C-alpha atoms as a PDB file:
ATOM      1  CA  SER A   1      93.247 104.293 117.113  1.00  0.00           C
ATOM      2  CA  PHE A   2      92.206 101.003 116.620  1.00  0.00           C
ATOM      3  CA  LEU A   3      91.061 101.134 113.331  1.00  0.00           C
ATOM      4  CA  CYS A   4      94.660 102.212 111.583  1.00  0.00           C
ATOM      5  CA  LEU A   5      96.031  99.721 113.984  1.00  0.00           C
ATOM      6  CA  PHE A   6      93.610  97.032 112.013  1.00  0.00           C
ATOM      7  CA  PHE A   7      94.410  98.817 108.866  1.00  0.00           C
ATOM      8  CA  THR A   8      98.133  98.643 109.095  1.00  0.00           C
ATOM      9  CA  ILE A   9      98.145  94.873 110.024  1.00  0.00           C
ATOM     10  CA  ALA A  10      95.750  94.093 107.416  1.00  0.00           C
ATOM     11  CA  THR A  11      97.824  95.757 104.646  1.00  0.00           C
ATOM     12  CA  THR A  12     101.231  94.344 105.651  1.00  0.00           C
ATOM     13  CA  THR A  13      99.413  91.016 106.034  1.00  0.00           C
ATOM     14  CA  THR A  14      98.219  90.992 102.388  1.00  0.00           C
ATOM     15  CA  PHE A  15     101.044  92.137 100.922  1.00  0.00           C
ATOM     16  CA  SER A  16     103.727  89.898 102.908  1.00  0.00           C
ATOM     17  CA  VAL A  17     101.442  87.064 101.889  1.00  0.00           C
ATOM     18  CA  HIS A  18     101.282  88.108  97.850  1.00  0.00           C
ATOM     19  CA  VAL A  19     104.984  88.115  97.934  1.00  0.00           C
ATOM     20  CA  GLY A  20     105.470  85.250 100.505  1.00  0.00           C
ATOM     21  CA  VAL A  21     103.562  82.534  98.340  1.00  0.00           C
ATOM     22  CA  PRO A  22     105.405  82.931  95.472  1.00  0.00           C
ATOM     23  CA  PHE A  23     108.604  82.677  97.296  1.00  0.00           C
ATOM     24  CA  HIS A  24     107.629  79.629  98.550  1.00  0.00           C
ATOM     25  CA  SER A  25     106.494  77.983  95.409  1.00  0.00           C
ATOM     26  CA  LEU A  26     109.530  78.880  93.232  1.00  0.00           C
ATOM     27  CA  ILE A  27     112.547  76.706  92.336  1.00  0.00           C
ATOM     28  CA  GLY A  28     115.906  78.148  92.914  1.00  0.00           C
ATOM     29  CA  SER A  29     118.279  80.234  95.397  1.00  0.00           C
ATOM     30  CA  ARG A  30     116.647  82.234  97.788  1.00  0.00           C
ATOM     31  CA  LYS A  31     118.001  85.460  96.271  1.00  0.00           C
ATOM     32  CA  TYR A  32     116.313  84.363  93.078  1.00  0.00           C
ATOM     33  CA  ARG A  33     112.966  83.279  94.322  1.00  0.00           C
ATOM     34  CA  ALA A  34     113.199  86.839  96.473  1.00  0.00           C
ATOM     35  CA  LEU A  35     113.407  88.922  93.262  1.00  0.00           C
ATOM     36  CA  VAL A  36     110.933  86.896  91.167  1.00  0.00           C
ATOM     37  CA  SER A  37     108.119  87.033  94.080  1.00  0.00           C
ATOM     38  CA  VAL A  38     108.547  90.808  94.228  1.00  0.00           C
ATOM     39  CA  LEU A  39     108.335  91.012  90.588  1.00  0.00           C
ATOM     40  CA  GLU A  40     105.010  88.755  90.583  1.00  0.00           C
ATOM     41  CA  SER A  41     103.675  90.152  93.173  1.00  0.00           C
ATOM     42  CA  GLY A  42     103.779  93.840  92.093  1.00  0.00           C
ATOM     43  CA  GLU A  43     100.932  93.984  89.613  1.00  0.00           C
ATOM     44  CA  THR A  44      98.541  92.718  92.446  1.00  0.00           C
ATOM     45  CA  ILE A  45     100.095  95.208  95.488  1.00  0.00           C
ATOM     46  CA  SER A  46      99.691  98.030  93.219  1.00  0.00           C
ATOM     47  CA  GLY A  47      96.147  97.629  92.557  1.00  0.00           C
ATOM     48  CA  LEU A  48      95.638  96.915  96.355  1.00  0.00           C
ATOM     49  CA  THR A  49      97.712 100.473  96.941  1.00  0.00           C
ATOM     50  CA  THR A  50      95.469 102.011  94.454  1.00  0.00           C
ATOM     51  CA  ILE A  51      92.222 101.000  95.981  1.00  0.00           C
ATOM     52  CA  ARG A  52      93.557 101.801  99.597  1.00  0.00           C
ATOM     53  CA  LEU A  53      95.073 105.678  97.837  1.00  0.00           C
ATOM     54  CA  VAL A  54      91.373 106.241  96.856  1.00  0.00           C
ATOM     55  CA  ALA A  55      89.992 105.585 100.144  1.00  0.00           C
ATOM     56  CA  ILE A  56      92.617 107.433 102.012  1.00  0.00           C
ATOM     57  CA  LEU A  57      91.711 110.535  99.441  1.00  0.00           C
ATOM     58  CA  GLY A  58      87.855 110.253 100.193  1.00  0.00           C
ATOM     59  CA  PHE A  59      89.175 110.918 103.832  1.00  0.00           C
ATOM     60  CA  TYR A  60      91.225 113.419 103.247  1.00  0.00           C
ATOM     61  CA  MET A  61      88.584 115.292 101.076  1.00  0.00           C
ATOM     62  CA  SER A  62      85.971 114.695 103.918  1.00  0.00           C
ATOM     63  CA  SER A  63      84.227 117.710 105.652  1.00  0.00           C
ATOM     64  CA  ARG A  64      85.372 116.885 109.182  1.00  0.00           C
ATOM     65  CA  PRO A  65      88.788 117.837 110.390  1.00  0.00           C
ATOM     66  CA  PHE A  66      89.641 114.388 111.965  1.00  0.00           C
ATOM     67  CA  TYR A  67      89.322 112.760 109.090  1.00  0.00           C
ATOM     68  CA  HIS A  68      90.926 115.416 107.024  1.00  0.00           C
ATOM     69  CA  ASN A  69      93.939 116.285 109.143  1.00  0.00           C
ATOM     70  CA  ASP A  70      94.833 113.060 111.837  1.00  0.00           C
ATOM     71  CA  PHE A  71      92.873 109.898 110.428  1.00  0.00           C
ATOM     72  CA  SER A  72      94.121 110.390 106.668  1.00  0.00           C
ATOM     73  CA  THR A  73      97.647 111.305 107.685  1.00  0.00           C
ATOM     74  CA  LEU A  74      97.545 107.578 109.464  1.00  0.00           C
ATOM     75  CA  LEU A  75      96.360 105.782 107.110  1.00  0.00           C
ATOM     76  CA  LEU A  76      99.014 107.236 104.547  1.00  0.00           C
ATOM     77  CA  LEU A  77     102.074 106.529 106.625  1.00  0.00           C
ATOM     78  CA  SER A  78     100.599 103.177 107.478  1.00  0.00           C
ATOM     79  CA  LEU A  79     100.166 102.234 103.815  1.00  0.00           C
ATOM     80  CA  LEU A  80     103.673 103.322 103.271  1.00  0.00           C
ATOM     81  CA  ILE A  81     104.851 101.143 106.044  1.00  0.00           C
ATOM     82  CA  SER A  82     103.164  98.341 104.699  1.00  0.00           C
ATOM     83  CA  LEU A  83     104.612  99.146 101.175  1.00  0.00           C
ATOM     84  CA  PHE A  84     108.226  99.558 102.667  1.00  0.00           C
ATOM     85  CA  HIS A  85     107.793  96.160 104.582  1.00  0.00           C
ATOM     86  CA  SER A  86     106.575  94.234 101.943  1.00  0.00           C
ATOM     87  CA  PHE A  87     108.868  95.564  99.046  1.00  0.00           C
ATOM     88  CA  PHE A  88     112.182  96.003 100.920  1.00  0.00           C
ATOM     89  CA  LEU A  89     112.412  94.688 104.453  1.00  0.00           C
ATOM     90  CA  PHE A  90     110.480  91.173 103.829  1.00  0.00           C
ATOM     91  CA  PRO A  91     112.331  89.753 100.803  1.00  0.00           C
ATOM     92  CA  VAL A  92     115.644  90.595 102.119  1.00  0.00           C
ATOM     93  CA  VAL A  93     114.916  88.552 105.196  1.00  0.00           C
ATOM     94  CA  LEU A  94     113.196  85.912 102.634  1.00  0.00           C
ATOM     95  CA  SER A  95     116.824  86.015 101.000  1.00  0.00           C
ATOM     96  CA  PHE A  96     118.964  85.598 103.779  1.00  0.00           C
ATOM     97  CA  LEU A  97     116.519  83.226 106.198  1.00  0.00           C
ATOM     98  CA  GLY A  98     113.659  82.241 103.889  1.00  0.00           C
ATOM     99  CA  PRO A  99     113.101  78.605 103.447  1.00  0.00           C
ATOM    100  CA  ARG A 100     115.627  76.456 101.130  1.00  0.00           C
ATOM    101  CA  ASN A 101     114.181  74.815  97.914  1.00  0.00           C
ATOM    102  CA  SER A 102     111.342  72.699  99.600  1.00  0.00           C
ATOM    103  CA  THR A 103     109.418  72.850  96.383  1.00  0.00           C
ATOM    104  CA  LYS A 104     112.385  71.033  94.540  1.00  0.00           C
ATOM    105  CA  ASN A 105     112.203  68.303  96.928  1.00  0.00           C
ATOM    106  CA  GLN A 106     108.716  67.728  96.874  1.00  0.00           C
ATOM    107  CA  SER A 107     108.681  67.952  93.155  1.00  0.00           C
ATOM    108  CA  GLN A 108     111.115  64.795  93.220  1.00  0.00           C
ATOM    109  CA  SER A 109     109.485  62.731  95.442  1.00  0.00           C
ATOM    110  CA  GLN A 110     106.238  62.954  93.458  1.00  0.00           C
ATOM    111  CA  THR A 111     108.149  62.083  90.211  1.00  0.00           C
ATOM    112  CA  GLN A 112     109.958  59.043  92.082  1.00  0.00           C
ATOM    113  CA  THR A 113     106.444  57.139  93.541  1.00  0.00           C
END
């Protein structure tokens, strides 16, 4: 349904931003920045995941059968897909195809002026 699609897109975007911003702001190789960005964003993502899991548990414990069977299962699967994307797929793509060390160039140009 539309709500599950919205939930999946919002969760994936939030998690990806929490991984992507530290990657862009760090100085070092691509692999180093991908590793550190995942480590730095782990606490935030785990907190967001816990909140979403509590909401899914609330839907699962609902008295309506639709929420119990279908909706909570779809939300749980979308959360797991978002976690996989933000912790495994996105950092690997960033480590191979991410931007080069742009922050280092910016800091050098600011110190020269």
